[in-house]
Amino acid sequence: MEHPYLILVKLFEWIGLGHFAHAYPHVIYSWFAMLILFLLAFMATRSIKLVPGKFQNVFEMIVSGMEEFMVDITGEEGRAFFPILGTVFLYIVLCNFFGLVPTMFPPTASINTTLSCAVVIVVATHVIGVKFHGAKYIKHFLGPVWWLAPLIFVIELIGHLARVLSLSIRLFGNITGHELVLGMLFILAGFFLAPLPIMVMGILVAFLQGFVFFLLSCIYFSQAIEHAH
């Protein structure tokens, strides 16, 4: 989908990096999302108080809510890995919300962004599995019957590779679809009135897609932590 005016792309044009910005707008807006998250984290933690103010209280509620939700799925052993899942969740949701702001581009509307997030989660899953089980982690791929192990191994390998496609394509498809629908409504019916219901629905889609990614990642981590049967 062509975006006639992206403010950060125009900014990069002004500093002489227009070719890069036009070729990789998802990278530019990913950097912007990371900058926003960094600034919010800095503001929330620079003056932590025993009795939190409104700003600190909001962030504590968000972070503790995500953490407890993850621990309910993975158990206490998974709490150590909350930073990676919490960061990915907040990053994806923020990127999704960019699609609701005029002149902004959601990085998650690029398969490169969603694929990179998915690869990080799947690789982390196996790192966690090896951390908890060592060489015995291979049992997760062999099944309960030894003489079926070669077949089960191939099936499990395909299944784990499919996780990358599942995580990346689902997120990419939903965000890109919303962008296309919103763009067509802008063209056909003006800027605000007709697209408004889709934009309202987009708020739900932006959060829900981030939550689905987070939920599936928690499940994958939980499966890596548990003992193979």
Protein backbone atom coordinates (compact mmCIF):
# COMPACT_ATOMS: atom_id res chain seq x y z
CA MET A 1 0.00 0.00 0.00
CA GLU A 2 1.37 3.41 -0.99
CA HIS A 3 1.50 6.08 1.68
CA PRO A 4 1.49 9.54 0.01
CA TYR A 5 2.85 11.35 3.06
CA LEU A 6 4.82 9.85 5.94
CA ILE A 7 6.19 12.50 8.24
CA LEU A 8 9.30 10.60 9.36
CA VAL A 9 10.13 9.72 5.75
CA LYS A 10 9.90 13.41 4.87
CA LEU A 11 12.20 14.19 7.80
CA PHE A 12 14.77 11.72 6.50
CA GLU A 13 14.46 13.30 3.05
CA TRP A 14 15.31 16.64 4.62
CA ILE A 15 18.55 15.26 6.13
CA GLY A 16 19.52 13.55 2.87
CA LEU A 17 18.44 9.97 3.64
CA GLY A 18 15.26 9.95 1.58
CA HIS A 19 16.23 6.93 -0.52
CA PHE A 20 16.74 4.78 2.59
CA ALA A 21 13.53 6.08 4.21
CA HIS A 22 11.40 5.32 1.14
CA ALA A 23 12.88 1.83 0.84
CA TYR A 24 12.59 0.95 4.53
CA PRO A 25 9.81 2.97 6.22
CA HIS A 26 9.19 0.08 8.62
CA VAL A 27 12.76 0.46 9.92
CA ILE A 28 12.33 4.21 10.46
CA TYR A 29 9.09 3.78 12.36
CA SER A 30 10.52 0.85 14.33
CA TRP A 31 13.28 3.15 15.54
CA PHE A 32 10.64 5.69 16.49
CA ALA A 33 8.66 3.08 18.43
CA MET A 34 11.80 2.01 20.29
CA LEU A 35 12.57 5.63 21.12
CA ILE A 36 9.07 6.15 22.53
CA LEU A 37 9.33 3.00 24.67
CA PHE A 38 12.75 4.05 25.93
CA LEU A 39 11.52 7.51 26.89
CA LEU A 40 8.42 6.12 28.62
CA ALA A 41 10.53 3.61 30.55
CA PHE A 42 12.95 6.37 31.56
CA MET A 43 10.13 8.64 32.72
CA ALA A 44 8.49 5.82 34.67
CA THR A 45 11.66 4.74 36.47
CA ARG A 46 13.71 7.92 36.97
CA SER A 47 12.01 8.75 40.28
CA ILE A 48 10.52 5.56 41.67
CA LYS A 49 8.69 6.16 44.93
CA LEU A 50 7.34 3.85 47.61
CA VAL A 51 3.98 5.59 47.20
CA PRO A 52 3.74 5.84 43.41
CA GLY A 53 2.37 8.83 41.56
CA LYS A 54 -0.17 8.53 38.76
CA PHE A 55 2.39 7.96 36.01
CA GLN A 56 4.34 5.34 37.95
CA ASN A 57 1.12 3.69 39.11
CA VAL A 58 -0.15 3.26 35.54
CA PHE A 59 3.07 1.63 34.42
CA GLU A 60 3.20 -0.63 37.47
CA MET A 61 -0.33 -1.81 36.72
CA ILE A 62 0.52 -2.54 33.08
CA VAL A 63 3.78 -4.33 33.80
CA SER A 64 2.53 -6.31 36.81
CA GLY A 65 -0.62 -7.30 34.95
CA MET A 66 1.38 -8.67 32.01
CA GLU A 67 3.83 -10.40 34.32
CA GLU A 68 1.18 -12.15 36.39
CA PHE A 69 -0.65 -13.21 33.24
CA MET A 70 2.57 -14.77 31.92
CA VAL A 71 3.33 -16.50 35.23
CA ASP A 72 -0.17 -18.00 35.26
CA ILE A 73 0.75 -19.75 31.99
CA THR A 74 4.44 -20.54 32.43
CA GLY A 75 4.65 -20.91 36.21
CA GLU A 76 7.12 -19.14 38.46
CA GLU A 77 10.02 -20.49 36.41
CA GLY A 78 8.93 -18.33 33.50
CA ARG A 79 9.03 -15.07 35.44
CA ALA A 80 12.71 -14.59 34.60
CA PHE A 81 11.84 -14.37 30.91
CA PHE A 82 9.14 -11.74 31.27
CA PRO A 83 11.36 -8.84 30.09
CA ILE A 84 11.66 -10.25 26.57
CA LEU A 85 7.96 -11.04 26.22
CA GLY A 86 6.83 -7.82 27.87
CA THR A 87 9.08 -5.76 25.61
CA VAL A 88 7.93 -7.52 22.45
CA PHE A 89 4.27 -7.12 23.47
CA LEU A 90 4.57 -3.38 24.14
CA TYR A 91 6.60 -2.87 20.96
CA ILE A 92 4.05 -4.69 18.79
CA VAL A 93 1.06 -2.90 20.29
CA LEU A 94 2.71 0.51 19.88
CA CYS A 95 3.66 -0.28 16.28
CA ASN A 96 0.09 -1.40 15.59
CA PHE A 97 -1.29 1.87 16.96
CA PHE A 98 0.88 3.85 14.54
CA GLY A 99 -1.51 2.73 11.81
CA LEU A 100 -4.29 4.78 13.42
CA VAL A 101 -2.33 8.04 13.29
CA PRO A 102 -2.27 10.07 10.06
CA THR A 103 1.22 10.36 8.45
CA MET A 104 2.41 7.34 10.48
CA PHE A 105 3.24 3.85 9.23
CA PRO A 106 2.81 0.72 11.38
CA PRO A 107 6.05 -1.30 11.19
CA THR A 108 4.00 -4.45 11.78
CA ALA A 109 2.45 -3.92 8.32
CA SER A 110 5.82 -5.14 6.99
CA ILE A 111 6.55 -8.87 6.98
CA ASN A 112 10.18 -8.04 7.84
CA THR A 113 9.15 -6.62 11.22
CA THR A 114 6.77 -9.41 12.19
CA LEU A 115 9.17 -12.09 10.96
CA SER A 116 12.02 -10.68 13.04
CA CYS A 117 9.82 -10.66 16.16
CA ALA A 118 8.71 -14.24 15.49
CA VAL A 119 12.27 -15.47 14.96
CA VAL A 120 13.38 -13.88 18.24
CA ILE A 121 10.58 -15.62 20.16
CA VAL A 122 11.11 -19.05 18.57
CA VAL A 123 14.89 -18.93 19.06
CA ALA A 124 14.39 -17.79 22.67
CA THR A 125 12.01 -20.72 23.18
CA HIS A 126 14.75 -23.23 22.34
CA VAL A 127 17.37 -21.35 24.34
CA ILE A 128 15.05 -21.60 27.35
CA GLY A 129 14.48 -25.30 26.66
CA VAL A 130 18.22 -26.00 26.61
CA LYS A 131 18.72 -23.85 29.72
CA PHE A 132 16.21 -25.88 31.73
CA HIS A 133 16.84 -29.37 30.35
CA GLY A 134 20.28 -29.36 28.74
CA ALA A 135 20.78 -32.13 26.19
CA LYS A 136 17.57 -33.80 27.40
CA TYR A 137 15.63 -31.04 25.66
CA ILE A 138 15.86 -33.18 22.52
CA LYS A 139 13.21 -35.43 24.09
CA HIS A 140 10.66 -32.71 23.31
CA PHE A 141 11.17 -33.58 19.65
CA LEU A 142 11.21 -37.38 19.83
CA GLY A 143 7.81 -38.37 21.22
CA PRO A 144 7.00 -41.09 23.76
CA VAL A 145 7.75 -44.13 21.54
CA TRP A 146 11.36 -44.68 20.52
CA TRP A 147 10.65 -46.44 17.23
CA LEU A 148 8.56 -43.49 16.04
CA ALA A 149 11.21 -40.97 17.06
CA PRO A 150 12.53 -40.23 13.52
CA LEU A 151 9.04 -39.50 12.23
CA ILE A 152 8.05 -37.49 15.30
CA PHE A 153 11.27 -35.49 15.05
CA VAL A 154 10.49 -34.42 11.47
CA ILE A 155 6.90 -33.52 12.42
CA GLU A 156 8.05 -31.53 15.47
CA LEU A 157 10.69 -29.73 13.40
CA ILE A 158 8.08 -28.70 10.83
CA GLY A 159 5.76 -27.64 13.65
CA HIS A 160 8.38 -25.40 15.24
CA LEU A 161 9.23 -23.81 11.89
CA ALA A 162 5.50 -23.25 11.37
CA ARG A 163 5.45 -21.24 14.60
CA VAL A 164 7.57 -18.60 12.89
CA LEU A 165 5.11 -18.40 9.99
CA SER A 166 2.10 -18.47 12.30
CA LEU A 167 3.32 -15.63 14.50
CA SER A 168 4.58 -13.45 11.67
CA ILE A 169 1.92 -13.90 8.97
CA ARG A 170 -1.04 -13.59 11.36
CA LEU A 171 0.19 -10.25 12.69
CA PHE A 172 1.31 -8.97 9.29
CA GLY A 173 -1.92 -9.98 7.57
CA ASN A 174 -4.24 -8.40 10.10
CA ILE A 175 -2.40 -5.08 10.30
CA THR A 176 -1.89 -4.85 6.54
CA GLY A 177 -5.56 -5.70 5.94
CA HIS A 178 -6.65 -2.94 8.29
CA GLU A 179 -4.32 -0.49 6.54
CA LEU A 180 -5.75 -1.40 3.12
CA VAL A 181 -9.36 -1.06 4.24
CA LEU A 182 -8.67 2.25 5.95
CA GLY A 183 -6.83 3.56 2.89
CA MET A 184 -9.67 2.65 0.54
CA LEU A 185 -12.21 4.35 2.80
CA PHE A 186 -10.09 7.48 2.91
CA ILE A 187 -10.04 7.56 -0.88
CA LEU A 188 -13.74 6.79 -1.36
CA ALA A 189 -15.40 8.66 1.48
CA GLY A 190 -13.17 11.35 2.89
CA PHE A 191 -10.85 11.58 5.84
CA PHE A 192 -12.90 11.15 8.99
CA LEU A 193 -16.59 10.22 8.87
CA ALA A 194 -16.63 6.97 6.90
CA PRO A 195 -13.30 5.55 8.19
CA LEU A 196 -14.18 6.36 11.81
CA PRO A 197 -15.82 2.96 12.61
CA ILE A 198 -12.84 1.16 11.08
CA MET A 199 -10.44 3.30 13.10
CA VAL A 200 -12.35 2.50 16.29
CA MET A 201 -12.20 -1.19 15.38
CA GLY A 202 -8.52 -0.70 14.64
CA ILE A 203 -7.87 0.15 18.30
CA LEU A 204 -9.23 -3.26 19.25
CA VAL A 205 -7.31 -4.98 16.45
CA ALA A 206 -4.05 -3.25 17.42
CA PHE A 207 -4.29 -4.45 21.02
CA LEU A 208 -5.74 -7.87 20.24
CA GLN A 209 -3.05 -8.80 17.72
CA GLY A 210 -0.34 -7.84 20.18
CA PHE A 211 -2.08 -9.86 22.89
CA VAL A 212 -2.38 -12.96 20.64
CA PHE A 213 1.34 -12.75 19.86
CA PHE A 214 2.09 -12.41 23.59
CA LEU A 215 -0.23 -15.29 24.53
CA LEU A 216 1.22 -17.70 21.97
CA SER A 217 4.74 -16.75 23.02
CA CYS A 218 3.87 -17.51 26.67
CA ILE A 219 2.55 -20.92 25.62
CA TYR A 220 5.71 -21.69 23.65
CA PHE A 221 7.89 -20.71 26.61
CA SER A 222 5.76 -22.84 28.91
CA GLN A 223 6.15 -25.87 26.63
CA ALA A 224 9.92 -25.39 26.56
CA ILE A 225 10.09 -25.21 30.37
CA GLU A 226 7.93 -28.25 31.11
CA HIS A 227 9.43 -31.74 31.14
CA ALA A 228 8.99 -33.92 28.10
CA HIS A 229 6.84 -37.00 28.53
